[in-house]
PDB file of all heavy atoms in Angstrom:
ATOM      1  N   GLY A   1     135.752-159.154  14.477  1.00  0.00           N
ATOM      2  CA  GLY A   1     135.761-159.789  15.834  1.00  0.00           C
ATOM      3  C   GLY A   1     136.220-158.882  16.869  1.00  0.00           C
ATOM      4  O   GLY A   1     135.650-158.733  17.937  1.00  0.00           O
ATOM      5  N   GLY A   2     137.301-158.070  16.509  1.00  0.00           N
ATOM      6  CA  GLY A   2     137.877-157.200  17.548  1.00  0.00           C
ATOM      7  C   GLY A   2     137.014-156.020  17.867  1.00  0.00           C
ATOM      8  O   GLY A   2     137.112-155.509  18.954  1.00  0.00           O
ATOM      9  N   CYS A   3     136.224-155.568  16.950  1.00  0.00           N
ATOM     10  CA  CYS A   3     135.454-154.322  17.141  1.00  0.00           C
ATOM     11  C   CYS A   3     134.512-154.470  18.328  1.00  0.00           C
ATOM     12  O   CYS A   3     134.078-153.566  19.012  1.00  0.00           O
ATOM     13  CB  CYS A   3     134.620-153.987  15.921  1.00  0.00           C
ATOM     14  SG  CYS A   3     135.654-153.355  14.563  1.00  0.00           S
ATOM     15  N   ASN A   4     134.026-155.722  18.647  1.00  0.00           N
ATOM     16  CA  ASN A   4     133.105-155.964  19.732  1.00  0.00           C
ATOM     17  C   ASN A   4     133.732-156.393  21.008  1.00  0.00           C
ATOM     18  O   ASN A   4     132.959-156.805  21.909  1.00  0.00           O
ATOM     19  CB  ASN A   4     132.000-156.914  19.233  1.00  0.00           C
ATOM     20  CG  ASN A   4     131.240-156.338  18.112  1.00  0.00           C
ATOM     21  OD1 ASN A   4     130.872-155.161  18.069  1.00  0.00           O
ATOM     22  ND2 ASN A   4     130.955-157.157  17.121  1.00  0.00           N
ATOM     23  N   ARG A   5     135.036-156.528  21.030  1.00  0.00           N
ATOM     24  CA  ARG A   5     135.653-157.201  22.167  1.00  0.00           C
ATOM     25  C   ARG A   5     135.672-156.381  23.414  1.00  0.00           C
ATOM     26  O   ARG A   5     135.603-156.836  24.494  1.00  0.00           O
ATOM     27  CB  ARG A   5     137.129-157.444  21.799  1.00  0.00           C
ATOM     28  CG  ARG A   5     137.664-158.684  22.556  1.00  0.00           C
ATOM     29  CD  ARG A   5     139.150-158.749  22.489  1.00  0.00           C
ATOM     30  NE  ARG A   5     139.705-157.768  23.395  1.00  0.00           N
ATOM     31  CZ  ARG A   5     140.995-157.677  23.641  1.00  0.00           C
ATOM     32  NH1 ARG A   5     141.896-158.428  22.990  1.00  0.00           N
ATOM     33  NH2 ARG A   5     141.562-156.846  24.498  1.00  0.00           N
ATOM     34  N   LEU A   6     135.650-155.069  23.311  1.00  0.00           N
ATOM     35  CA  LEU A   6     135.706-154.180  24.423  1.00  0.00           C
ATOM     36  C   LEU A   6     134.414-153.437  24.641  1.00  0.00           C
ATOM     37  O   LEU A   6     133.700-153.133  23.746  1.00  0.00           O
ATOM     38  CB  LEU A   6     136.788-153.074  24.252  1.00  0.00           C
ATOM     39  CG  LEU A   6     138.200-153.632  23.991  1.00  0.00           C
ATOM     40  CD1 LEU A   6     139.124-152.554  23.687  1.00  0.00           C
ATOM     41  CD2 LEU A   6     138.633-154.374  25.248  1.00  0.00           C
ATOM     42  N   ASN A   7     134.086-153.267  25.893  1.00  0.00           N
ATOM     43  CA  ASN A   7     132.853-152.555  26.295  1.00  0.00           C
ATOM     44  C   ASN A   7     133.230-151.359  27.130  1.00  0.00           C
ATOM     45  O   ASN A   7     133.390-151.503  28.346  1.00  0.00           O
ATOM     46  CB  ASN A   7     131.891-153.498  26.964  1.00  0.00           C
ATOM     47  CG  ASN A   7     130.581-152.758  27.344  1.00  0.00           C
ATOM     48  OD1 ASN A   7     130.420-151.681  26.921  1.00  0.00           O
ATOM     49  ND2 ASN A   7     129.711-153.442  28.068  1.00  0.00           N
ATOM     50  N   LEU A   8     133.396-150.204  26.546  1.00  0.00           N
ATOM     51  CA  LEU A   8     133.787-148.967  27.261  1.00  0.00           C
ATOM     52  C   LEU A   8     132.724-148.635  28.306  1.00  0.00           C
ATOM     53  O   LEU A   8     133.038-147.850  29.224  1.00  0.00           O
ATOM     54  CB  LEU A   8     134.133-147.884  26.333  1.00  0.00           C
ATOM     55  CG  LEU A   8     135.194-148.184  25.292  1.00  0.00           C
ATOM     56  CD1 LEU A   8     135.360-146.958  24.428  1.00  0.00           C
ATOM     57  CD2 LEU A   8     136.508-148.534  25.991  1.00  0.00           C
ATOM     58  N   ARG A   9     131.544-148.960  28.051  1.00  0.00           N
ATOM     59  CA  ARG A   9     130.443-148.466  28.900  1.00  0.00           C
ATOM     60  C   ARG A   9     130.414-149.075  30.319  1.00  0.00           C
ATOM     61  O   ARG A   9     129.720-148.709  31.164  1.00  0.00           O
ATOM     62  CB  ARG A   9     129.073-148.759  28.196  1.00  0.00           C
ATOM     63  CG  ARG A   9     129.022-148.082  26.821  1.00  0.00           C
ATOM     64  CD  ARG A   9     127.678-148.261  26.159  1.00  0.00           C
ATOM     65  NE  ARG A   9     127.735-147.581  24.820  1.00  0.00           N
ATOM     66  CZ  ARG A   9     127.989-148.233  23.763  1.00  0.00           C
ATOM     67  NH1 ARG A   9     128.225-149.583  23.778  1.00  0.00           N
ATOM     68  NH2 ARG A   9     128.035-147.631  22.571  1.00  0.00           N
ATOM     69  N   ASP A  10     131.304-150.131  30.517  1.00  0.00           N
ATOM     70  CA  ASP A  10     131.468-150.716  31.850  1.00  0.00           C
ATOM     71  C   ASP A  10     131.955-149.602  32.893  1.00  0.00           C
ATOM     72  O   ASP A  10     131.693-149.714  34.083  1.00  0.00           O
ATOM     73  CB  ASP A  10     132.460-151.843  31.856  1.00  0.00           C
ATOM     74  CG  ASP A  10     131.841-153.093  31.123  1.00  0.00           C
ATOM     75  OD1 ASP A  10     130.660-153.039  30.763  1.00  0.00           O
ATOM     76  OD2 ASP A  10     132.636-154.021  30.934  1.00  0.00           O
ATOM     77  N   HIS A  11     132.644-148.612  32.360  1.00  0.00           N
ATOM     78  CA  HIS A  11     133.235-147.615  33.278  1.00  0.00           C
ATOM     79  C   HIS A  11     132.617-146.262  33.173  1.00  0.00           C
ATOM     80  O   HIS A  11     133.136-145.310  33.621  1.00  0.00           O
ATOM     81  CB  HIS A  11     134.749-147.518  33.021  1.00  0.00           C
ATOM     82  CG  HIS A  11     135.490-148.698  33.533  1.00  0.00           C
ATOM     83  ND1 HIS A  11     135.688-149.046  34.850  1.00  0.00           N
ATOM     84  CD2 HIS A  11     136.078-149.721  32.822  1.00  0.00           C
ATOM     85  CE1 HIS A  11     136.349-150.184  34.926  1.00  0.00           C
ATOM     86  NE2 HIS A  11     136.630-150.589  33.715  1.00  0.00           N
ATOM     87  N   ALA A  12     131.525-146.163  32.510  1.00  0.00           N
ATOM     88  CA  ALA A  12     130.843-144.837  32.288  1.00  0.00           C
ATOM     89  C   ALA A  12     129.479-144.882  32.808  1.00  0.00           C
ATOM     90  O   ALA A  12     128.754-145.851  32.785  1.00  0.00           O
ATOM     91  CB  ALA A  12     130.835-144.560  30.829  1.00  0.00           C
ATOM     92  N   GLU A  13     129.023-143.747  33.335  1.00  0.00           N
ATOM     93  CA  GLU A  13     127.695-143.618  33.991  1.00  0.00           C
ATOM     94  C   GLU A  13     126.690-143.383  32.861  1.00  0.00           C
ATOM     95  O   GLU A  13     125.462-143.409  33.062  1.00  0.00           O
ATOM     96  CB  GLU A  13     127.665-142.443  34.880  1.00  0.00           C
ATOM     97  CG  GLU A  13     128.653-142.662  36.058  1.00  0.00           C
ATOM     98  CD  GLU A  13     128.791-141.468  36.950  1.00  0.00           C
ATOM     99  OE1 GLU A  13     128.081-140.413  36.592  1.00  0.00           O
ATOM    100  OE2 GLU A  13     129.442-141.549  37.925  1.00  0.00           O
ATOM    101  N   GLU A  14     127.068-143.111  31.599  1.00  0.00           N
ATOM    102  CA  GLU A  14     126.147-142.776  30.513  1.00  0.00           C
ATOM    103  C   GLU A  14     126.791-143.268  29.268  1.00  0.00           C
ATOM    104  O   GLU A  14     127.926-143.771  29.247  1.00  0.00           O
ATOM    105  CB  GLU A  14     126.056-141.320  30.427  1.00  0.00           C
ATOM    106  CG  GLU A  14     127.360-140.605  30.186  1.00  0.00           C
ATOM    107  CD  GLU A  14     127.341-139.097  30.221  1.00  0.00           C
ATOM    108  OE1 GLU A  14     126.374-138.579  30.928  1.00  0.00           O
ATOM    109  OE2 GLU A  14     128.159-138.483  29.615  1.00  0.00           O
ATOM    110  N   LEU A  15     126.113-143.256  28.144  1.00  0.00           N
ATOM    111  CA  LEU A  15     126.603-143.632  26.877  1.00  0.00           C
ATOM    112  C   LEU A  15     127.559-142.593  26.405  1.00  0.00           C
ATOM    113  O   LEU A  15     127.250-141.423  26.082  1.00  0.00           O
ATOM    114  CB  LEU A  15     125.462-143.741  25.836  1.00  0.00           C
ATOM    115  CG  LEU A  15     125.872-144.190  24.466  1.00  0.00           C
ATOM    116  CD1 LEU A  15     126.454-145.583  24.414  1.00  0.00           C
ATOM    117  CD2 LEU A  15     124.638-144.066  23.490  1.00  0.00           C
ATOM    118  N   PRO A  16     128.890-142.886  26.339  1.00  0.00           N
ATOM    119  CA  PRO A  16     129.913-141.864  26.055  1.00  0.00           C
ATOM    120  C   PRO A  16     129.881-141.571  24.502  1.00  0.00           C
ATOM    121  O   PRO A  16     129.554-142.432  23.709  1.00  0.00           O
ATOM    122  CB  PRO A  16     131.162-142.432  26.474  1.00  0.00           C
ATOM    123  CG  PRO A  16     130.918-143.906  26.386  1.00  0.00           C
ATOM    124  CD  PRO A  16     129.513-144.184  26.671  1.00  0.00           C
ATOM    125  N   LEU A  17     130.254-140.315  24.173  1.00  0.00           N
ATOM    126  CA  LEU A  17     130.448-139.987  22.775  1.00  0.00           C
ATOM    127  C   LEU A  17     131.850-140.454  22.417  1.00  0.00           C
ATOM    128  O   LEU A  17     132.836-139.762  22.713  1.00  0.00           O
ATOM    129  CB  LEU A  17     130.240-138.455  22.620  1.00  0.00           C
ATOM    130  CG  LEU A  17     128.883-137.969  23.044  1.00  0.00           C
ATOM    131  CD1 LEU A  17     128.843-136.461  22.898  1.00  0.00           C
ATOM    132  CD2 LEU A  17     127.768-138.617  22.267  1.00  0.00           C
ATOM    133  N   GLU A  18     131.972-141.596  21.804  1.00  0.00           N
ATOM    134  CA  GLU A  18     133.277-142.262  21.722  1.00  0.00           C
ATOM    135  C   GLU A  18     134.371-141.472  20.985  1.00  0.00           C
ATOM    136  O   GLU A  18     135.556-141.501  21.447  1.00  0.00           O
ATOM    137  CB  GLU A  18     133.105-143.684  21.154  1.00  0.00           C
ATOM    138  CG  GLU A  18     132.321-144.564  22.083  1.00  0.00           C
ATOM    139  CD  GLU A  18     132.412-145.983  21.736  1.00  0.00           C
ATOM    140  OE1 GLU A  18     133.150-146.362  20.794  1.00  0.00           O
ATOM    141  OE2 GLU A  18     131.742-146.813  22.418  1.00  0.00           O
ATOM    142  N   PRO A  19     134.074-140.711  19.975  1.00  0.00           N
ATOM    143  CA  PRO A  19     135.214-139.990  19.362  1.00  0.00           C
ATOM    144  C   PRO A  19     135.816-138.946  20.376  1.00  0.00           C
ATOM    145  O   PRO A  19     137.020-138.734  20.453  1.00  0.00           O
ATOM    146  CB  PRO A  19     134.596-139.228  18.188  1.00  0.00           C
ATOM    147  CG  PRO A  19     133.429-140.159  17.794  1.00  0.00           C
ATOM    148  CD  PRO A  19     132.902-140.618  19.097  1.00  0.00           C
ATOM    149  N   TYR A  20     134.926-138.248  21.131  1.00  0.00           N
ATOM    150  CA  TYR A  20     135.330-137.394  22.150  1.00  0.00           C
ATOM    151  C   TYR A  20     136.066-138.105  23.318  1.00  0.00           C
ATOM    152  O   TYR A  20     137.007-137.667  23.961  1.00  0.00           O
ATOM    153  CB  TYR A  20     134.196-136.577  22.687  1.00  0.00           C
ATOM    154  CG  TYR A  20     133.482-135.763  21.667  1.00  0.00           C
ATOM    155  CD1 TYR A  20     132.307-135.983  21.131  1.00  0.00           C
ATOM    156  CD2 TYR A  20     134.180-134.581  21.190  1.00  0.00           C
ATOM    157  CE1 TYR A  20     131.750-135.205  20.223  1.00  0.00           C
ATOM    158  CE2 TYR A  20     133.587-133.735  20.171  1.00  0.00           C
ATOM    159  CZ  TYR A  20     132.335-134.093  19.676  1.00  0.00           C
ATOM    160  OH  TYR A  20     131.743-133.344  18.765  1.00  0.00           O
ATOM    161  N   LEU A  21     135.531-139.314  23.605  1.00  0.00           N
ATOM    162  CA  LEU A  21     136.172-140.151  24.682  1.00  0.00           C
ATOM    163  C   LEU A  21     137.617-140.486  24.271  1.00  0.00           C
ATOM    164  O   LEU A  21     138.476-140.369  25.079  1.00  0.00           O
ATOM    165  CB  LEU A  21     135.287-141.398  24.870  1.00  0.00           C
ATOM    166  CG  LEU A  21     135.703-142.266  26.060  1.00  0.00           C
ATOM    167  CD1 LEU A  21     135.372-141.604  27.423  1.00  0.00           C
ATOM    168  CD2 LEU A  21     134.951-143.600  25.993  1.00  0.00           C
ATOM    169  N   ALA A  22     137.775-140.871  23.043  1.00  0.00           N
ATOM    170  CA  ALA A  22     139.128-141.271  22.610  1.00  0.00           C
ATOM    171  C   ALA A  22     140.068-140.133  22.550  1.00  0.00           C
ATOM    172  O   ALA A  22     141.254-140.236  22.788  1.00  0.00           O
ATOM    173  CB  ALA A  22     139.020-141.938  21.238  1.00  0.00           C
ATOM    174  N   GLU A  23     139.533-138.945  22.146  1.00  0.00           N
ATOM    175  CA  GLU A  23     140.381-137.729  22.141  1.00  0.00           C
ATOM    176  C   GLU A  23     140.858-137.340  23.590  1.00  0.00           C
ATOM    177  O   GLU A  23     141.960-136.994  23.786  1.00  0.00           O
ATOM    178  CB  GLU A  23     139.626-136.527  21.524  1.00  0.00           C
ATOM    179  CG  GLU A  23     140.460-135.294  21.376  1.00  0.00           C
ATOM    180  CD  GLU A  23     141.738-135.424  20.573  1.00  0.00           C
ATOM    181  OE1 GLU A  23     141.868-136.359  19.783  1.00  0.00           O
ATOM    182  OE2 GLU A  23     142.607-134.540  20.671  1.00  0.00           O
ATOM    183  N   LEU A  24     139.901-137.469  24.532  1.00  0.00           N
ATOM    184  CA  LEU A  24     140.352-137.262  25.898  1.00  0.00           C
ATOM    185  C   LEU A  24     141.407-138.310  26.300  1.00  0.00           C
ATOM    186  O   LEU A  24     142.397-138.035  26.948  1.00  0.00           O
ATOM    187  CB  LEU A  24     139.101-137.413  26.825  1.00  0.00           C
ATOM    188  CG  LEU A  24     139.354-137.541  28.314  1.00  0.00           C
ATOM    189  CD1 LEU A  24     140.034-136.265  28.875  1.00  0.00           C
ATOM    190  CD2 LEU A  24     138.059-137.766  29.097  1.00  0.00           C
TER     191      LEU A  24
END
């Protein structure tokens, strides 16, 4: 259930590469 709770793309202009996003 938790895996789908957040939508990071609300704040990105493109589909982010999430492992790199999390490292940033």
